[in-house]
Amino acid sequence: MPNPGGIYLGCERCRCRRIKCDRAKPQCQRCVKYGTTCPGYPQPQDVRFRHETSKVTAKAEHFAAVDQRLPRGLELVPSLPEERNLNCNRSANKSLDLQLAPYVAQSWDTALTQFFFDQVLMPVGWYSHLPQLHYQAPPDSCIRVTISAASLFVAANQSNDAGMLQKARRTYGAALQAINSSIAHPERCLEDETLACVLLLHVLDHLTGNSSVPNMSHLNACAQLVKMREAKGFRTRRTHDLAHSVVIQAQPWLMQGLPVDGGTLGNEAIHKWLWMLTSQTPAARMAALSLEVGRLRNRAIGLLTHGIHGISSLIHSLDHLIEDIVSLEARIADWQTHCEPRWVQMKTALRTPNGEETQASYYSDTQVSKVWNYWRVSRITLHSMMISLVDHGQSHQISIPGRNLDAMKANSAQIINSMISEIVASVPFHLQQIDTRGRPSTQRSQRVLGGFALIWPLQMLLSCKWSLACHKTVAVETLHVISNVFGISQARLSL
């Protein structure tokens, strides 16, 4: 393992893999055995830079000039094609925008990529396949340029750097071209990196504030790619993780019953390929329940919008819908009883700055907490439908035999209030204010991941007319943090 406190003279890929570089010439043999091209070694003079004094800057410019005088095809240290085209300004200030040597530009791009991985990835399930895909991919692959675009957007949004944001937009355009080229290719369209890139477009839309909701076109494209892979029998060891990521991302769309061309995501994908590939995990079971919530929601909206001719027909339709809601609510409430230990939620008491004690929930990881909030939103959606149907029936002065509509409405209001309170209780964990053991935390990693997971539940909280003012205040303040501090522009559109 390289010495983290000393000067590192090995290649950057060995450093990222946390193994000792043999510094063989012309390239590191560890990289050759790993099946990748060695990026080369930094110059000793440059890795010893500590301060940008005039003397040090002069040395850097001297070595950059030496690189430029080398014959074509010969480089001191090889650099990746996208790094030549997408050099990152360290500042929007023109006076500090120095011409970087290729190996310095490579280190800068690597630092941005590592920052993105630190902010967005988790060890299990949630895009855990990205680092290996990235480092094994050839220099001109779509996965490299897409991750570069996402890295630039995260850094630019968090630092409010206009120059970096401009480069992020240009890189985003290059990523779209590379992804379209891969999708159009008969063989590359099946590869893991193509599916991962389309999934990343969904993340990029949230970073840029251009989410594809309500049509969720990127997720529908993911489902179509999964369908193509399964039709041709194409599977890899990452298939489960990729399918699992699609399932988790798709739940807001499924729960709202939103249409997609061809119905790929809602029908074939969930019921066949994605359900089978995810081994019926708690997230997949929740996705199947979310799909049923969406269908019930569409039926309820149809009844409330278009009405039913005749009181007897209205009573029958209301009774049938209410029965289906009660049945689905029982199955959703039972979801938590079948979760393995990793998916159990825990609670702790926190003291607010003004001295008040409040309840907070914590989990084994952010993926688990995200699915738990989907569970809460599904119950909120169901019981909001219940209240609307009861109000509709009472407005027509009808009663349903065997059902106490007032009691059902009161019960639904209580469940909605409880679920909203639990969403608010999950906020400290998502914002990294408490850790996986319920202890106060100042962790800065996975902040974008936590903020990303909170946006849709908080949107639903704000749109729910039964939310209390105190809950809406917390939601607004949290969305401000997610937007202005974590750099996820989509949160700003919810305010």
Foldseek 3Di string as FASTA:
>chain_A
DDDPVDQDFAFPVCVVVVHDFPLDPPATVVCVVVVHGTQATDDPLVSPDDDPDVVSVVVQVVVQVVQVPDDPPDGNGHAFPVLVVQQAAPAPDPVRRDDGRRVVSRVVLVVLLVQLCQAAPDCPQRCVVLVVCQRNDHRLALSVLLSSLVSLLQVCLQVVGPRSPVSSVVSVVVSVVRLVVQCPDPPSLQDPSSLVSLLSVQVVCQLVQNHPPPQNVSLLVSLVSLVVCVVVVHDDPCQQSSLSNSLLVCLVNLLQLGDYVPCSVLPPRLVDRSCVSNVNALSSVLSVLSNVNNVLLVLLCCCVPVNDPDPVVLLVSLVVSVVVLVVSVVVLVCSVVPHDPQLDKDKDWDADPVGDIDIAIAGNDLSSVLSVLSSLLSLLSSLVSLLVSLVVCVVVPDDHPPDDSVVSNVVSLVSNAVSLSHLLRHLCRLCQQADRVRHGGPDDTNNLNSLVSNQVSLLSLCPDPSRDPVSVVSSLVSLCCNCNNSSRVNSVVSD
